[in-house]
Amino acid sequence: MKFNTDDSLRVSIAKQLGRIVGHRIESLIIRNPRMSLADARKIYTRGCRLNREVKRVFEALVRDSYPQAKTADDGELHSFEGYYSGYRPKSLHDQIKKLRQVFPRLGGTNQKLYLLAKDGGLDYLPRGAEGWFAIPNIWKPGSLPLIGTTYQDFTWKVIRTLDVISEGSDKNSTPCDPLRQEVSTMRFLEELSKKQGNPEILILPCQFGMRHLGYSVNDVRAETRKNSHECGLGVFASMCMLMTHPKRLKSGRDISFNCPGDTWYDRGRKEVVYFRFVLERIKPEGAYTEDENPNCGSVTAFDFDFTR
């Protein structure tokens, strides 16, 4: 989120932090008019981090005491709590059918991977992924002329199309220019495209934000740089996922999501595009990459070996 007016935003920060760590801290911030917005933001950021650390400590205690216990990150149990509108990954057949309604001349997938994901998908999902997702492969050599010639074309085409498929989405306010792919994301997806034989439709194991809920984009990018098997996705891929899974963002209670695979340059400052549901509309906005929002997570994809 961006912080523009001090008093109202300081109260908003206090209320969000109160829901995380208790209402006593909320009242302390609200009743202290001398506290600057900058100090409130620092407290908020530290509170979010403390909350995550406490959760990690308790998870470690459970794992140590009950080694047989499993969490969503184990790749065997996938939790979709927080996806309020009932989002679940759809079958690849349904996803590809939806993509071809928009792009009738779209080609095929890697057939071996398609059958593997279709028949035994959960057994092959990398740790942290929620499901298999079909995305037009704009990272193949020569790209896809049926969509566009530049990343701006690809992204704008999908956002405009989303307005047709998912009524109420806002196609005019998206900051698409200047929008740039992160080099690490481009290389990651180009490598996955090569592994799959450069098909016109990529099949990717992804998660739609819950894994990195509350983390800043800077933190997510730093984490994925350490973990070479995971990479943040940009606006194009995230919008394709939303196009095939409209229930992901249909209510204000659904968590928002960042697109860490892209950078938007706003007056020389690096920002990230995130999407939220507000006033019955899907609204894209810009956010600072260092901001932490307990109601927003980053969309990522995972590398995997399907030749085993």
C-alpha atoms as a PDB file:
ATOM      1  CA  MET A   1       0.000   0.000   0.000  1.00  0.00           C
ATOM      2  CA  LYS A   2       1.021   3.616  -0.415  1.00  0.00           C
ATOM      3  CA  PHE A   3       0.884   6.015   2.501  1.00  0.00           C
ATOM      4  CA  ASN A   4      -0.402   9.457   1.552  1.00  0.00           C
ATOM      5  CA  THR A   5      -2.312  11.012   4.508  1.00  0.00           C
ATOM      6  CA  ASP A   6      -0.699  10.633   7.895  1.00  0.00           C
ATOM      7  CA  ASP A   7      -3.576  10.505  10.396  1.00  0.00           C
ATOM      8  CA  SER A   8      -6.022   8.227   8.591  1.00  0.00           C
ATOM      9  CA  LEU A   9      -3.277   5.856   7.465  1.00  0.00           C
ATOM     10  CA  ARG A  10      -1.723   5.719  10.925  1.00  0.00           C
ATOM     11  CA  VAL A  11      -5.127   4.581  12.251  1.00  0.00           C
ATOM     12  CA  SER A  12      -5.419   2.050   9.407  1.00  0.00           C
ATOM     13  CA  ILE A  13      -1.970   0.680  10.213  1.00  0.00           C
ATOM     14  CA  ALA A  14      -2.892   0.433  13.888  1.00  0.00           C
ATOM     15  CA  LYS A  15      -6.070  -1.524  13.150  1.00  0.00           C
ATOM     16  CA  GLN A  16      -4.287  -3.953  10.844  1.00  0.00           C
ATOM     17  CA  LEU A  17      -1.543  -4.498  13.385  1.00  0.00           C
ATOM     18  CA  GLY A  18      -4.160  -4.915  16.103  1.00  0.00           C
ATOM     19  CA  ARG A  19      -5.691  -7.812  14.226  1.00  0.00           C
ATOM     20  CA  ILE A  20      -2.281  -9.442  13.977  1.00  0.00           C
ATOM     21  CA  VAL A  21      -0.765  -9.048  17.444  1.00  0.00           C
ATOM     22  CA  GLY A  22      -3.623  -7.790  19.627  1.00  0.00           C
ATOM     23  CA  HIS A  23      -5.857  -4.766  20.099  1.00  0.00           C
ATOM     24  CA  ARG A  24      -3.751  -3.287  22.895  1.00  0.00           C
ATOM     25  CA  ILE A  25      -1.076  -2.244  20.392  1.00  0.00           C
ATOM     26  CA  GLU A  26      -3.815  -0.758  18.183  1.00  0.00           C
ATOM     27  CA  SER A  27      -5.038   1.572  20.937  1.00  0.00           C
ATOM     28  CA  LEU A  28      -1.483   2.558  21.859  1.00  0.00           C
ATOM     29  CA  ILE A  29      -0.787   3.743  18.318  1.00  0.00           C
ATOM     30  CA  ILE A  30      -4.127   5.503  17.814  1.00  0.00           C
ATOM     31  CA  ARG A  31      -3.962   7.339  21.144  1.00  0.00           C
ATOM     32  CA  ASN A  32      -0.450   8.615  20.561  1.00  0.00           C
ATOM     33  CA  PRO A  33      -0.866  11.642  18.256  1.00  0.00           C
ATOM     34  CA  ARG A  34       2.833  12.438  18.530  1.00  0.00           C
ATOM     35  CA  MET A  35       3.743   9.223  16.774  1.00  0.00           C
ATOM     36  CA  SER A  36       4.811   9.950  13.201  1.00  0.00           C
ATOM     37  CA  LEU A  37       3.599   7.949  10.243  1.00  0.00           C
ATOM     38  CA  ALA A  38       7.169   6.734   9.671  1.00  0.00           C
ATOM     39  CA  ASP A  39       7.351   5.362  13.235  1.00  0.00           C
ATOM     40  CA  ALA A  40       3.938   3.711  12.831  1.00  0.00           C
ATOM     41  CA  ARG A  41       5.150   2.031   9.651  1.00  0.00           C
ATOM     42  CA  LYS A  42       8.279   0.763  11.420  1.00  0.00           C
ATOM     43  CA  ILE A  43       6.196  -0.715  14.236  1.00  0.00           C
ATOM     44  CA  TYR A  44       3.832  -2.264  11.713  1.00  0.00           C
ATOM     45  CA  THR A  45       6.688  -3.879   9.752  1.00  0.00           C
ATOM     46  CA  ARG A  46       8.325  -5.223  12.899  1.00  0.00           C
ATOM     47  CA  GLY A  47       4.970  -6.525  14.134  1.00  0.00           C
ATOM     48  CA  CYS A  48       4.399  -8.425  10.881  1.00  0.00           C
ATOM     49  CA  ARG A  49       7.859  -9.953  11.084  1.00  0.00           C
ATOM     50  CA  LEU A  50       7.412 -10.866  14.745  1.00  0.00           C
ATOM     51  CA  ASN A  51       4.084 -12.508  13.955  1.00  0.00           C
ATOM     52  CA  ARG A  52       5.707 -14.661  11.259  1.00  0.00           C
ATOM     53  CA  GLU A  53       8.591 -15.602  13.542  1.00  0.00           C
ATOM     54  CA  VAL A  54       6.180 -16.676  16.286  1.00  0.00           C
ATOM     55  CA  LYS A  55       4.318 -18.875  13.789  1.00  0.00           C
ATOM     56  CA  ARG A  56       7.605 -20.440  12.689  1.00  0.00           C
ATOM     57  CA  VAL A  57       8.616 -21.160  16.287  1.00  0.00           C
ATOM     58  CA  PHE A  58       5.299 -22.862  17.032  1.00  0.00           C
ATOM     59  CA  GLU A  59       5.512 -24.866  13.798  1.00  0.00           C
ATOM     60  CA  ALA A  60       9.018 -25.999  14.745  1.00  0.00           C
ATOM     61  CA  LEU A  61       7.752 -27.048  18.190  1.00  0.00           C
ATOM     62  CA  VAL A  62       4.961 -29.087  16.607  1.00  0.00           C
ATOM     63  CA  ARG A  63       7.363 -30.717  14.147  1.00  0.00           C
ATOM     64  CA  ASP A  64       9.820 -31.614  16.928  1.00  0.00           C
ATOM     65  CA  SER A  65       7.095 -32.992  19.194  1.00  0.00           C
ATOM     66  CA  TYR A  66       5.110 -34.727  16.451  1.00  0.00           C
ATOM     67  CA  PRO A  67       7.436 -35.665  13.559  1.00  0.00           C
ATOM     68  CA  GLN A  68       4.514 -37.276  11.714  1.00  0.00           C
ATOM     69  CA  ALA A  69       2.641 -33.973  11.542  1.00  0.00           C
ATOM     70  CA  LYS A  70       2.476 -32.366   8.114  1.00  0.00           C
ATOM     71  CA  THR A  71       1.938 -28.784   7.008  1.00  0.00           C
ATOM     72  CA  ALA A  72       0.981 -27.262   3.671  1.00  0.00           C
ATOM     73  CA  ASP A  73       4.657 -26.834   2.771  1.00  0.00           C
ATOM     74  CA  ASP A  74       5.253 -30.589   2.888  1.00  0.00           C
ATOM     75  CA  GLY A  75       3.712 -30.938  -0.561  1.00  0.00           C
ATOM     76  CA  GLU A  76       1.310 -33.603   0.729  1.00  0.00           C
ATOM     77  CA  LEU A  77      -1.302 -31.406   2.358  1.00  0.00           C
ATOM     78  CA  HIS A  78      -2.372 -28.203   0.608  1.00  0.00           C
ATOM     79  CA  SER A  79      -4.228 -25.637   2.675  1.00  0.00           C
ATOM     80  CA  PHE A  80      -6.520 -23.201   0.879  1.00  0.00           C
ATOM     81  CA  GLU A  81      -7.644 -21.339   3.983  1.00  0.00           C
ATOM     82  CA  GLY A  82      -7.691 -17.634   3.228  1.00  0.00           C
ATOM     83  CA  TYR A  83      -8.908 -18.098  -0.318  1.00  0.00           C
ATOM     84  CA  TYR A  84     -12.337 -16.895   0.753  1.00  0.00           C
ATOM     85  CA  SER A  85     -14.230 -17.312  -2.523  1.00  0.00           C
ATOM     86  CA  GLY A  86     -13.439 -21.007  -2.845  1.00  0.00           C
ATOM     87  CA  TYR A  87     -10.539 -20.950  -5.300  1.00  0.00           C
ATOM     88  CA  ARG A  88      -9.018 -24.342  -6.053  1.00  0.00           C
ATOM     89  CA  PRO A  89      -6.686 -25.196  -8.962  1.00  0.00           C
ATOM     90  CA  LYS A  90      -8.723 -26.435 -11.913  1.00  0.00           C
ATOM     91  CA  SER A  91      -7.836 -29.324 -14.166  1.00  0.00           C
ATOM     92  CA  LEU A  92      -5.400 -28.606 -16.981  1.00  0.00           C
ATOM     93  CA  HIS A  93      -8.103 -29.591 -19.454  1.00  0.00           C
ATOM     94  CA  ASP A  94     -10.427 -26.858 -18.163  1.00  0.00           C
ATOM     95  CA  GLN A  95      -7.626 -24.275 -18.045  1.00  0.00           C
ATOM     96  CA  ILE A  96      -6.497 -24.932 -21.623  1.00  0.00           C
ATOM     97  CA  LYS A  97     -10.104 -24.859 -22.814  1.00  0.00           C
ATOM     98  CA  LYS A  98     -10.490 -21.389 -21.260  1.00  0.00           C
ATOM     99  CA  LEU A  99      -7.230 -20.151 -22.800  1.00  0.00           C
ATOM    100  CA  ARG A 100      -8.333 -21.309 -26.255  1.00  0.00           C
ATOM    101  CA  GLN A 101     -11.602 -19.439 -25.906  1.00  0.00           C
ATOM    102  CA  VAL A 102      -9.476 -16.302 -25.774  1.00  0.00           C
ATOM    103  CA  PHE A 103      -6.681 -17.409 -28.132  1.00  0.00           C
ATOM    104  CA  PRO A 104      -8.284 -19.859 -30.624  1.00  0.00           C
ATOM    105  CA  ARG A 105      -5.014 -20.503 -32.495  1.00  0.00           C
ATOM    106  CA  LEU A 106      -3.052 -21.398 -29.371  1.00  0.00           C
ATOM    107  CA  GLY A 107      -1.054 -24.599 -29.859  1.00  0.00           C
ATOM    108  CA  GLY A 108      -0.372 -27.487 -27.516  1.00  0.00           C
ATOM    109  CA  THR A 109       1.626 -28.464 -24.445  1.00  0.00           C
ATOM    110  CA  ASN A 110       4.380 -30.928 -23.666  1.00  0.00           C
ATOM    111  CA  GLN A 111       2.257 -34.068 -23.880  1.00  0.00           C
ATOM    112  CA  LYS A 112       4.338 -36.116 -21.450  1.00  0.00           C
ATOM    113  CA  LEU A 113       4.099 -33.439 -18.781  1.00  0.00           C
ATOM    114  CA  TYR A 114       0.399 -32.916 -19.495  1.00  0.00           C
ATOM    115  CA  LEU A 115      -0.366 -36.601 -18.915  1.00  0.00           C
ATOM    116  CA  LEU A 116       1.866 -36.721 -15.830  1.00  0.00           C
ATOM    117  CA  ALA A 117       0.193 -33.691 -14.256  1.00  0.00           C
ATOM    118  CA  LYS A 118      -3.264 -34.873 -15.338  1.00  0.00           C
ATOM    119  CA  ASP A 119      -3.005 -38.398 -13.952  1.00  0.00           C
ATOM    120  CA  GLY A 120      -0.727 -38.047 -10.919  1.00  0.00           C
ATOM    121  CA  GLY A 121      -0.435 -34.315 -10.440  1.00  0.00           C
ATOM    122  CA  LEU A 122      -0.380 -34.061  -6.663  1.00  0.00           C
ATOM    123  CA  ASP A 123       2.314 -36.721  -6.372  1.00  0.00           C
ATOM    124  CA  TYR A 124       4.665 -34.705  -8.589  1.00  0.00           C
ATOM    125  CA  LEU A 125       3.969 -31.199  -7.283  1.00  0.00           C
ATOM    126  CA  PRO A 126       7.055 -29.457  -5.884  1.00  0.00           C
ATOM    127  CA  ARG A 127       6.988 -28.470  -2.241  1.00  0.00           C
ATOM    128  CA  GLY A 128       5.019 -25.236  -1.786  1.00  0.00           C
ATOM    129  CA  ALA A 129       3.027 -25.444  -5.041  1.00  0.00           C
ATOM    130  CA  GLU A 130      -0.776 -25.510  -4.963  1.00  0.00           C
ATOM    131  CA  GLY A 131      -1.395 -27.025  -8.369  1.00  0.00           C
ATOM    132  CA  TRP A 132      -0.574 -27.134 -12.077  1.00  0.00           C
ATOM    133  CA  PHE A 133      -1.304 -24.062 -14.193  1.00  0.00           C
ATOM    134  CA  ALA A 134      -1.452 -23.574 -17.976  1.00  0.00           C
ATOM    135  CA  ILE A 135       0.040 -20.304 -19.283  1.00  0.00           C
ATOM    136  CA  PRO A 136       0.668 -19.169 -22.894  1.00  0.00           C
ATOM    137  CA  ASN A 137       4.393 -19.447 -23.534  1.00  0.00           C
ATOM    138  CA  ILE A 138       5.594 -15.959 -24.462  1.00  0.00           C
ATOM    139  CA  TRP A 139       9.132 -16.974 -23.453  1.00  0.00           C
ATOM    140  CA  LYS A 140       9.703 -19.346 -26.386  1.00  0.00           C
ATOM    141  CA  PRO A 141      11.928 -18.176 -29.267  1.00  0.00           C
ATOM    142  CA  GLY A 142       9.839 -16.106 -31.647  1.00  0.00           C
ATOM    143  CA  SER A 143       7.113 -15.745 -29.014  1.00  0.00           C
ATOM    144  CA  LEU A 144       3.425 -15.850 -29.939  1.00  0.00           C
ATOM    145  CA  PRO A 145       2.386 -13.461 -32.723  1.00  0.00           C
ATOM    146  CA  LEU A 146      -1.282 -14.184 -32.016  1.00  0.00           C
ATOM    147  CA  ILE A 147      -0.931 -12.260 -28.732  1.00  0.00           C
ATOM    148  CA  GLY A 148       1.584  -9.518 -29.497  1.00  0.00           C
ATOM    149  CA  THR A 149       5.226  -8.706 -30.046  1.00  0.00           C
ATOM    150  CA  THR A 150       6.293  -7.092 -26.763  1.00  0.00           C
ATOM    151  CA  TYR A 151       5.725  -7.861 -23.104  1.00  0.00           C
ATOM    152  CA  GLN A 152       3.478  -4.785 -22.918  1.00  0.00           C
ATOM    153  CA  ASP A 153       1.341  -6.242 -25.732  1.00  0.00           C
ATOM    154  CA  PHE A 154       1.091  -9.620 -24.035  1.00  0.00           C
ATOM    155  CA  THR A 155       0.124  -8.125 -20.691  1.00  0.00           C
ATOM    156  CA  TRP A 156      -2.374  -5.594 -22.031  1.00  0.00           C
ATOM    157  CA  LYS A 157      -4.054  -8.243 -24.196  1.00  0.00           C
ATOM    158  CA  VAL A 158      -4.702 -10.506 -21.211  1.00  0.00           C
ATOM    159  CA  ILE A 159      -5.894  -7.676 -18.952  1.00  0.00           C
ATOM    160  CA  ARG A 160      -8.363  -6.508 -21.592  1.00  0.00           C
ATOM    161  CA  THR A 161      -9.542 -10.078 -22.112  1.00  0.00           C
ATOM    162  CA  LEU A 162     -10.023 -10.561 -18.388  1.00  0.00           C
ATOM    163  CA  ASP A 163     -12.661  -7.854 -18.478  1.00  0.00           C
ATOM    164  CA  VAL A 164     -14.691 -10.029 -20.848  1.00  0.00           C
ATOM    165  CA  ILE A 165     -14.288 -13.265 -18.908  1.00  0.00           C
ATOM    166  CA  SER A 166     -14.500 -11.837 -15.398  1.00  0.00           C
ATOM    167  CA  GLU A 167     -17.067  -9.044 -15.353  1.00  0.00           C
ATOM    168  CA  GLY A 168     -16.149  -5.950 -13.406  1.00  0.00           C
ATOM    169  CA  SER A 169     -12.360  -6.088 -13.695  1.00  0.00           C
ATOM    170  CA  ASP A 170     -10.707  -2.742 -14.252  1.00  0.00           C
ATOM    171  CA  LYS A 171      -8.893  -2.752 -17.590  1.00  0.00           C
ATOM    172  CA  ASN A 172      -8.056   0.935 -17.750  1.00  0.00           C
ATOM    173  CA  SER A 173      -6.084   1.620 -14.579  1.00  0.00           C
ATOM    174  CA  THR A 174      -3.350  -0.996 -14.831  1.00  0.00           C
ATOM    175  CA  PRO A 175       0.144   0.524 -14.847  1.00  0.00           C
ATOM    176  CA  CYS A 176       1.431  -1.342 -17.912  1.00  0.00           C
ATOM    177  CA  ASP A 177       3.984   1.184 -19.059  1.00  0.00           C
ATOM    178  CA  PRO A 178       6.762   1.202 -18.207  1.00  0.00           C
ATOM    179  CA  LEU A 179       6.443  -2.372 -16.943  1.00  0.00           C
ATOM    180  CA  ARG A 180       9.558  -4.548 -17.110  1.00  0.00           C
ATOM    181  CA  GLN A 181      10.129  -8.226 -16.436  1.00  0.00           C
ATOM    182  CA  GLU A 182      12.721  -9.069 -13.813  1.00  0.00           C
ATOM    183  CA  VAL A 183      15.759 -10.631 -15.496  1.00  0.00           C
ATOM    184  CA  SER A 184      15.690 -13.561 -13.063  1.00  0.00           C
ATOM    185  CA  THR A 185      12.046 -14.289 -13.961  1.00  0.00           C
ATOM    186  CA  MET A 186      12.744 -14.162 -17.693  1.00  0.00           C
ATOM    187  CA  ARG A 187      15.672 -16.579 -17.382  1.00  0.00           C
ATOM    188  CA  PHE A 188      13.719 -18.905 -15.099  1.00  0.00           C
ATOM    189  CA  LEU A 189      10.764 -19.174 -17.494  1.00  0.00           C
ATOM    190  CA  GLU A 190      12.960 -19.394 -20.597  1.00  0.00           C
ATOM    191  CA  GLU A 191      14.746 -22.347 -18.991  1.00  0.00           C
ATOM    192  CA  LEU A 192      11.448 -24.050 -18.134  1.00  0.00           C
ATOM    193  CA  SER A 193      10.290 -23.460 -21.699  1.00  0.00           C
ATOM    194  CA  LYS A 194      13.407 -25.214 -23.030  1.00  0.00           C
ATOM    195  CA  LYS A 195      12.894 -28.155 -20.657  1.00  0.00           C
ATOM    196  CA  GLN A 196       9.356 -28.583 -21.998  1.00  0.00           C
ATOM    197  CA  GLY A 197      10.441 -28.320 -25.649  1.00  0.00           C
ATOM    198  CA  ASN A 198       9.225 -24.740 -26.186  1.00  0.00           C
ATOM    199  CA  PRO A 199       5.501 -25.573 -26.489  1.00  0.00           C
ATOM    200  CA  GLU A 200       2.924 -22.827 -26.994  1.00  0.00           C
ATOM    201  CA  ILE A 201       1.397 -23.578 -23.592  1.00  0.00           C
ATOM    202  CA  LEU A 202       3.620 -23.948 -20.526  1.00  0.00           C
ATOM    203  CA  ILE A 203       2.560 -26.153 -17.628  1.00  0.00           C
ATOM    204  CA  LEU A 204       3.838 -24.701 -14.371  1.00  0.00           C
ATOM    205  CA  PRO A 205       3.497 -25.687 -10.717  1.00  0.00           C
ATOM    206  CA  CYS A 206       2.498 -22.443  -8.971  1.00  0.00           C
ATOM    207  CA  GLN A 207       0.987 -20.956  -5.844  1.00  0.00           C
ATOM    208  CA  PHE A 208      -1.355 -17.972  -5.830  1.00  0.00           C
ATOM    209  CA  GLY A 209      -0.003 -15.923  -2.912  1.00  0.00           C
ATOM    210  CA  MET A 210      -0.715 -17.789   0.315  1.00  0.00           C
ATOM    211  CA  ARG A 211       2.835 -19.124   0.648  1.00  0.00           C
ATOM    212  CA  HIS A 212       4.260 -15.590   0.871  1.00  0.00           C
ATOM    213  CA  LEU A 213       1.339 -13.917   2.629  1.00  0.00           C
ATOM    214  CA  GLY A 214       2.493 -10.807   4.506  1.00  0.00           C
ATOM    215  CA  TYR A 215       5.991 -10.712   3.022  1.00  0.00           C
ATOM    216  CA  SER A 216       7.280  -7.701   1.112  1.00  0.00           C
ATOM    217  CA  VAL A 217       8.226  -8.170  -2.534  1.00  0.00           C
ATOM    218  CA  ASN A 218      11.835  -7.440  -1.598  1.00  0.00           C
ATOM    219  CA  ASP A 219      11.753 -10.306   0.919  1.00  0.00           C
ATOM    220  CA  VAL A 220      10.160 -12.672  -1.617  1.00  0.00           C
ATOM    221  CA  ARG A 221      12.721 -11.806  -4.282  1.00  0.00           C
ATOM    222  CA  ALA A 222      15.555 -12.322  -1.805  1.00  0.00           C
ATOM    223  CA  GLU A 223      14.100 -15.660  -0.723  1.00  0.00           C
ATOM    224  CA  THR A 224      13.632 -16.917  -4.291  1.00  0.00           C
ATOM    225  CA  ARG A 225      17.191 -15.890  -5.161  1.00  0.00           C
ATOM    226  CA  LYS A 226      18.356 -18.226  -2.387  1.00  0.00           C
ATOM    227  CA  ASN A 227      15.920 -20.925  -3.514  1.00  0.00           C
ATOM    228  CA  SER A 228      16.730 -21.367  -7.186  1.00  0.00           C
ATOM    229  CA  HIS A 229      13.736 -23.701  -7.611  1.00  0.00           C
ATOM    230  CA  GLU A 230      11.189 -20.886  -7.091  1.00  0.00           C
ATOM    231  CA  CYS A 231      10.632 -17.607  -8.914  1.00  0.00           C
ATOM    232  CA  GLY A 232       8.189 -14.710  -8.718  1.00  0.00           C
ATOM    233  CA  LEU A 233       5.699 -14.372 -11.581  1.00  0.00           C
ATOM    234  CA  GLY A 234       4.807 -11.156 -13.384  1.00  0.00           C
ATOM    235  CA  VAL A 235       1.527  -9.532 -14.367  1.00  0.00           C
ATOM    236  CA  PHE A 236       1.070 -11.536 -17.587  1.00  0.00           C
ATOM    237  CA  ALA A 237       1.388 -14.984 -15.980  1.00  0.00           C
ATOM    238  CA  SER A 238      -0.597 -13.947 -12.879  1.00  0.00           C
ATOM    239  CA  MET A 239      -3.422 -12.567 -15.042  1.00  0.00           C
ATOM    240  CA  CYS A 240      -3.510 -15.763 -17.100  1.00  0.00           C
ATOM    241  CA  MET A 241      -3.862 -17.710 -13.855  1.00  0.00           C
ATOM    242  CA  LEU A 242      -6.656 -15.375 -12.732  1.00  0.00           C
ATOM    243  CA  MET A 243      -8.339 -15.684 -16.109  1.00  0.00           C
ATOM    244  CA  THR A 244      -8.565 -19.469 -15.705  1.00  0.00           C
ATOM    245  CA  HIS A 245      -9.337 -19.215 -11.974  1.00  0.00           C
ATOM    246  CA  PRO A 246     -11.750 -16.279 -11.511  1.00  0.00           C
ATOM    247  CA  LYS A 247     -12.695 -17.411  -7.992  1.00  0.00           C
ATOM    248  CA  ARG A 248      -9.228 -16.449  -6.797  1.00  0.00           C
ATOM    249  CA  LEU A 249     -10.249 -12.794  -6.525  1.00  0.00           C
ATOM    250  CA  LYS A 250     -14.014 -12.307  -6.318  1.00  0.00           C
ATOM    251  CA  SER A 251     -14.444 -10.751  -2.881  1.00  0.00           C
ATOM    252  CA  GLY A 252     -12.857  -8.125  -0.677  1.00  0.00           C
ATOM    253  CA  ARG A 253     -12.165 -10.952   1.769  1.00  0.00           C
ATOM    254  CA  ASP A 254      -9.891 -12.722  -0.704  1.00  0.00           C
ATOM    255  CA  ILE A 255      -6.224 -11.937  -0.131  1.00  0.00           C
ATOM    256  CA  SER A 256      -4.677  -9.583  -2.664  1.00  0.00           C
ATOM    257  CA  PHE A 257      -1.646 -10.663  -4.662  1.00  0.00           C
ATOM    258  CA  ASN A 258       1.624  -9.116  -5.832  1.00  0.00           C
ATOM    259  CA  CYS A 259       3.350  -9.831  -9.155  1.00  0.00           C
ATOM    260  CA  PRO A 260       7.040  -9.874  -8.102  1.00  0.00           C
ATOM    261  CA  GLY A 261       8.237 -11.000 -11.532  1.00  0.00           C
ATOM    262  CA  ASP A 262       7.733  -7.480 -12.898  1.00  0.00           C
ATOM    263  CA  THR A 263       8.911  -4.019 -11.896  1.00  0.00           C
ATOM    264  CA  TRP A 264       6.924  -0.865 -12.573  1.00  0.00           C
ATOM    265  CA  TYR A 265       8.903   2.356 -12.697  1.00  0.00           C
ATOM    266  CA  ASP A 266       6.812   5.194 -11.270  1.00  0.00           C
ATOM    267  CA  ARG A 267       8.615   8.538 -11.575  1.00  0.00           C
ATOM    268  CA  GLY A 268      11.947   6.752 -11.275  1.00  0.00           C
ATOM    269  CA  ARG A 269      10.962   4.690  -8.230  1.00  0.00           C
ATOM    270  CA  LYS A 270      10.730   0.904  -8.473  1.00  0.00           C
ATOM    271  CA  GLU A 271       7.313  -0.454  -7.566  1.00  0.00           C
ATOM    272  CA  VAL A 272       5.351  -3.662  -8.024  1.00  0.00           C
ATOM    273  CA  VAL A 273       1.851  -4.185  -9.418  1.00  0.00           C
ATOM    274  CA  TYR A 274      -0.632  -5.830  -7.077  1.00  0.00           C
ATOM    275  CA  PHE A 275      -4.276  -6.736  -7.536  1.00  0.00           C
ATOM    276  CA  ARG A 276      -7.069  -6.460  -5.006  1.00  0.00           C
ATOM    277  CA  PHE A 277     -10.850  -6.636  -5.029  1.00  0.00           C
ATOM    278  CA  VAL A 278     -12.523  -3.384  -4.029  1.00  0.00           C
ATOM    279  CA  LEU A 279     -15.986  -1.933  -4.708  1.00  0.00           C
ATOM    280  CA  GLU A 280     -16.985  -4.973  -6.757  1.00  0.00           C
ATOM    281  CA  ARG A 281     -14.005  -4.524  -9.062  1.00  0.00           C
ATOM    282  CA  ILE A 282     -10.610  -6.108  -9.597  1.00  0.00           C
ATOM    283  CA  LYS A 283      -8.306  -3.167  -9.087  1.00  0.00           C
ATOM    284  CA  PRO A 284      -4.607  -3.119 -10.059  1.00  0.00           C
ATOM    285  CA  GLU A 285      -2.373  -0.692  -8.182  1.00  0.00           C
ATOM    286  CA  GLY A 286       1.279   0.083  -7.592  1.00  0.00           C
ATOM    287  CA  ALA A 287       2.967  -0.649  -4.257  1.00  0.00           C
ATOM    288  CA  TYR A 288       6.451  -0.084  -2.887  1.00  0.00           C
ATOM    289  CA  THR A 289       8.555  -3.232  -2.997  1.00  0.00           C
ATOM    290  CA  GLU A 290       9.547  -2.848   0.666  1.00  0.00           C
ATOM    291  CA  ASP A 291       5.939  -2.686   1.928  1.00  0.00           C
ATOM    292  CA  GLU A 292       4.573  -5.592   3.952  1.00  0.00           C
ATOM    293  CA  ASN A 293       0.834  -6.219   3.836  1.00  0.00           C
ATOM    294  CA  PRO A 294      -0.705  -8.987   5.983  1.00  0.00           C
ATOM    295  CA  ASN A 295      -3.533  -9.340   3.455  1.00  0.00           C
ATOM    296  CA  CYS A 296      -1.368  -9.671   0.336  1.00  0.00           C
ATOM    297  CA  GLY A 297       0.883 -12.447  -0.970  1.00  0.00           C
ATOM    298  CA  SER A 298       3.194 -12.920  -3.953  1.00  0.00           C
ATOM    299  CA  VAL A 299       2.507 -15.290  -6.856  1.00  0.00           C
ATOM    300  CA  THR A 300       5.355 -17.695  -7.649  1.00  0.00           C
ATOM    301  CA  ALA A 301       6.202 -20.677  -9.856  1.00  0.00           C
ATOM    302  CA  PHE A 302       8.494 -23.635  -9.188  1.00  0.00           C
ATOM    303  CA  ASP A 303      11.120 -25.542 -11.137  1.00  0.00           C
ATOM    304  CA  PHE A 304      10.755 -29.313 -11.291  1.00  0.00           C
ATOM    305  CA  ASP A 305      12.061 -32.426 -13.011  1.00  0.00           C
ATOM    306  CA  PHE A 306       9.335 -34.291 -14.908  1.00  0.00           C
ATOM    307  CA  THR A 307      11.759 -36.701 -16.597  1.00  0.00           C
ATOM    308  CA  ARG A 308      12.149 -38.883 -13.506  1.00  0.00           C
END
